């Protein structure tokens, strides 16, 4: 019976990790799905589409420094929880954005890549 408890705990932990990875992966790669719609809505040129695709890379660059400091000072679990909440808020903002600068700002949030810094 003790082995069943360990089995359930390991699978529950694995489910949480896979869910976090899936949420962050979808968040980062969603730009490729929305780029054609955003081109029509915002009358974007190739340069603006490039900025939109590169916005998450800017967030990754600054997120590495911020998340590294947070993980060292506050711990990994706290950092993951806070950064996932921040990422959710920025994804909500980007999904309802009606102007291009808001979309760029929401897609380049530095905490969106926190999960990739650990694994």
C-alpha atoms as a PDB file:
ATOM      1  CA  UNK A   1       0.000   0.000   0.000  1.00  0.00           C
ATOM      2  CA  UNK A   2       2.921   2.310   0.664  1.00  0.00           C
ATOM      3  CA  UNK A   3       4.146   1.850  -2.910  1.00  0.00           C
ATOM      4  CA  UNK A   4       0.763   3.026  -4.200  1.00  0.00           C
ATOM      5  CA  UNK A   5       1.128   6.314  -2.291  1.00  0.00           C
ATOM      6  CA  UNK A   6       4.571   6.918  -3.742  1.00  0.00           C
ATOM      7  CA  UNK A   7       3.288   6.056  -7.221  1.00  0.00           C
ATOM      8  CA  UNK A   8       0.393   8.530  -6.895  1.00  0.00           C
ATOM      9  CA  UNK A   9       2.678  11.272  -5.542  1.00  0.00           C
ATOM     10  CA  UNK A  10       5.177  10.865  -8.379  1.00  0.00           C
ATOM     11  CA  UNK A  11       2.455  10.885 -11.033  1.00  0.00           C
ATOM     12  CA  UNK A  12       0.789  13.934  -9.481  1.00  0.00           C
ATOM     13  CA  UNK A  13       4.100  15.799  -9.490  1.00  0.00           C
ATOM     14  CA  UNK A  14       4.712  14.756 -13.086  1.00  0.00           C
ATOM     15  CA  UNK A  15       1.243  15.979 -14.076  1.00  0.00           C
ATOM     16  CA  UNK A  16       1.921  19.388 -12.529  1.00  0.00           C
ATOM     17  CA  UNK A  17       5.291  19.706 -14.289  1.00  0.00           C
ATOM     18  CA  UNK A  18       3.870  18.696 -17.671  1.00  0.00           C
ATOM     19  CA  UNK A  19       0.969  21.132 -17.224  1.00  0.00           C
ATOM     20  CA  UNK A  20       3.356  23.994 -16.461  1.00  0.00           C
ATOM     21  CA  UNK A  21       5.504  23.130 -19.449  1.00  0.00           C
ATOM     22  CA  UNK A  22       2.461  22.944 -21.735  1.00  0.00           C
ATOM     23  CA  UNK A  23       1.105  26.284 -20.499  1.00  0.00           C
ATOM     24  CA  UNK A  24       4.393  28.086 -21.064  1.00  0.00           C
ATOM     25  CA  UNK A  25       4.962  26.403 -24.446  1.00  0.00           C
ATOM     26  CA  UNK A  26       1.550  27.458 -25.683  1.00  0.00           C
ATOM     27  CA  UNK A  27       2.131  30.961 -24.360  1.00  0.00           C
ATOM     28  CA  UNK A  28       5.421  31.346 -26.224  1.00  0.00           C
ATOM     29  CA  UNK A  29       4.368  29.714 -29.501  1.00  0.00           C
ATOM     30  CA  UNK A  30       0.924  31.304 -29.729  1.00  0.00           C
ATOM     31  CA  UNK A  31       2.364  34.216 -31.704  1.00  0.00           C
ATOM     32  CA  UNK A  32       2.759  32.001 -34.743  1.00  0.00           C
ATOM     33  CA  UNK A  33      -0.960  31.245 -34.672  1.00  0.00           C
ATOM     34  CA  UNK A  34      -2.121  34.840 -34.257  1.00  0.00           C
ATOM     35  CA  UNK A  35       0.302  36.533 -36.633  1.00  0.00           C
ATOM     36  CA  UNK A  36      -1.965  36.274 -39.673  1.00  0.00           C
ATOM     37  CA  UNK A  37      -4.978  37.663 -37.802  1.00  0.00           C
ATOM     38  CA  UNK A  38      -2.880  40.372 -36.183  1.00  0.00           C
ATOM     39  CA  UNK A  39      -1.549  41.380 -39.593  1.00  0.00           C
ATOM     40  CA  UNK A  40      -5.061  42.185 -40.780  1.00  0.00           C
ATOM     41  CA  UNK A  41      -6.244  43.773 -37.515  1.00  0.00           C
ATOM     42  CA  UNK A  42      -3.216  45.999 -36.952  1.00  0.00           C
ATOM     43  CA  UNK A  43      -2.197  46.556 -40.629  1.00  0.00           C
ATOM     44  CA  UNK A  44       1.264  45.214 -39.805  1.00  0.00           C
ATOM     45  CA  UNK A  45       4.242  45.295 -42.134  1.00  0.00           C
ATOM     46  CA  UNK A  46       6.956  42.660 -42.114  1.00  0.00           C
ATOM     47  CA  UNK A  47       8.947  44.735 -39.640  1.00  0.00           C
ATOM     48  CA  UNK A  48       6.075  44.851 -37.148  1.00  0.00           C
ATOM     49  CA  UNK A  49       5.501  41.114 -37.560  1.00  0.00           C
ATOM     50  CA  UNK A  50       9.188  40.575 -36.805  1.00  0.00           C
ATOM     51  CA  UNK A  51       8.930  42.692 -33.664  1.00  0.00           C
ATOM     52  CA  UNK A  52       5.917  40.699 -32.557  1.00  0.00           C
ATOM     53  CA  UNK A  53       7.745  37.401 -33.120  1.00  0.00           C
ATOM     54  CA  UNK A  54      10.829  38.692 -31.320  1.00  0.00           C
ATOM     55  CA  UNK A  55       8.951  40.134 -28.365  1.00  0.00           C
ATOM     56  CA  UNK A  56       9.002  36.851 -26.476  1.00  0.00           C
ATOM     57  CA  UNK A  57      12.772  36.605 -27.016  1.00  0.00           C
ATOM     58  CA  UNK A  58      13.180  39.995 -25.358  1.00  0.00           C
ATOM     59  CA  UNK A  59      11.102  38.704 -22.470  1.00  0.00           C
ATOM     60  CA  UNK A  60      13.296  35.607 -22.272  1.00  0.00           C
ATOM     61  CA  UNK A  61      16.445  37.708 -22.113  1.00  0.00           C
ATOM     62  CA  UNK A  62      15.302  39.876 -19.230  1.00  0.00           C
ATOM     63  CA  UNK A  63      13.387  37.055 -17.565  1.00  0.00           C
ATOM     64  CA  UNK A  64      16.550  35.034 -17.091  1.00  0.00           C
ATOM     65  CA  UNK A  65      18.057  37.700 -14.869  1.00  0.00           C
ATOM     66  CA  UNK A  66      14.882  38.424 -12.933  1.00  0.00           C
ATOM     67  CA  UNK A  67      13.888  34.811 -12.390  1.00  0.00           C
ATOM     68  CA  UNK A  68      17.395  33.776 -11.421  1.00  0.00           C
ATOM     69  CA  UNK A  69      17.504  36.402  -8.707  1.00  0.00           C
ATOM     70  CA  UNK A  70      14.010  35.521  -7.504  1.00  0.00           C
ATOM     71  CA  UNK A  71      14.801  31.799  -7.397  1.00  0.00           C
ATOM     72  CA  UNK A  72      17.984  32.392  -5.415  1.00  0.00           C
ATOM     73  CA  UNK A  73      16.392  34.750  -2.923  1.00  0.00           C
ATOM     74  CA  UNK A  74      12.816  33.415  -2.581  1.00  0.00           C
ATOM     75  CA  UNK A  75      13.022  29.791  -3.756  1.00  0.00           C
ATOM     76  CA  UNK A  76      11.953  27.959  -6.879  1.00  0.00           C
ATOM     77  CA  UNK A  77       8.433  27.064  -5.842  1.00  0.00           C
ATOM     78  CA  UNK A  78       7.571  30.656  -4.912  1.00  0.00           C
ATOM     79  CA  UNK A  79       9.149  31.908  -8.123  1.00  0.00           C
ATOM     80  CA  UNK A  80       7.211  29.449 -10.291  1.00  0.00           C
ATOM     81  CA  UNK A  81       3.887  30.313  -8.652  1.00  0.00           C
ATOM     82  CA  UNK A  82       4.395  34.081  -8.900  1.00  0.00           C
ATOM     83  CA  UNK A  83       5.702  33.957 -12.461  1.00  0.00           C
ATOM     84  CA  UNK A  84       2.882  31.701 -13.635  1.00  0.00           C
ATOM     85  CA  UNK A  85       0.372  34.191 -12.205  1.00  0.00           C
ATOM     86  CA  UNK A  86       2.169  37.078 -13.903  1.00  0.00           C
ATOM     87  CA  UNK A  87       2.259  35.129 -17.168  1.00  0.00           C
ATOM     88  CA  UNK A  88      -1.468  34.437 -16.901  1.00  0.00           C
ATOM     89  CA  UNK A  89      -2.213  38.122 -16.373  1.00  0.00           C
ATOM     90  CA  UNK A  90      -0.081  39.129 -19.360  1.00  0.00           C
ATOM     91  CA  UNK A  91      -1.692  36.450 -21.531  1.00  0.00           C
ATOM     92  CA  UNK A  92      -5.107  37.773 -20.575  1.00  0.00           C
ATOM     93  CA  UNK A  93      -4.011  41.308 -21.483  1.00  0.00           C
ATOM     94  CA  UNK A  94      -2.588  40.159 -24.824  1.00  0.00           C
ATOM     95  CA  UNK A  95      -5.765  38.278 -25.672  1.00  0.00           C
ATOM     96  CA  UNK A  96      -7.937  41.390 -25.295  1.00  0.00           C
ATOM     97  CA  UNK A  97      -5.490  43.948 -26.680  1.00  0.00           C
ATOM     98  CA  UNK A  98      -6.884  46.213 -29.369  1.00  0.00           C
ATOM     99  CA  UNK A  99      -3.739  48.184 -30.191  1.00  0.00           C
ATOM    100  CA  UNK A 100      -0.314  47.022 -31.307  1.00  0.00           C
ATOM    101  CA  UNK A 101       1.824  48.522 -28.476  1.00  0.00           C
ATOM    102  CA  UNK A 102      -0.272  46.750 -25.845  1.00  0.00           C
ATOM    103  CA  UNK A 103       0.124  43.449 -27.680  1.00  0.00           C
ATOM    104  CA  UNK A 104       3.895  43.883 -27.922  1.00  0.00           C
ATOM    105  CA  UNK A 105       4.149  44.828 -24.247  1.00  0.00           C
ATOM    106  CA  UNK A 106       2.077  41.847 -23.155  1.00  0.00           C
ATOM    107  CA  UNK A 107       4.005  39.393 -25.313  1.00  0.00           C
ATOM    108  CA  UNK A 108       7.405  40.611 -24.097  1.00  0.00           C
ATOM    109  CA  UNK A 109       6.770  40.117 -20.378  1.00  0.00           C
ATOM    110  CA  UNK A 110       9.980  38.985 -18.706  1.00  0.00           C
ATOM    111  CA  UNK A 111       8.364  36.315 -16.553  1.00  0.00           C
ATOM    112  CA  UNK A 112       6.904  34.336 -19.450  1.00  0.00           C
ATOM    113  CA  UNK A 113       9.913  32.094 -19.761  1.00  0.00           C
ATOM    114  CA  UNK A 114      10.495  31.293 -16.109  1.00  0.00           C
ATOM    115  CA  UNK A 115       9.873  27.578 -16.505  1.00  0.00           C
ATOM    116  CA  UNK A 116      12.575  27.116 -19.139  1.00  0.00           C
ATOM    117  CA  UNK A 117      15.220  28.551 -16.820  1.00  0.00           C
ATOM    118  CA  UNK A 118      14.926  25.600 -14.475  1.00  0.00           C
ATOM    119  CA  UNK A 119      14.661  22.602 -16.765  1.00  0.00           C
END
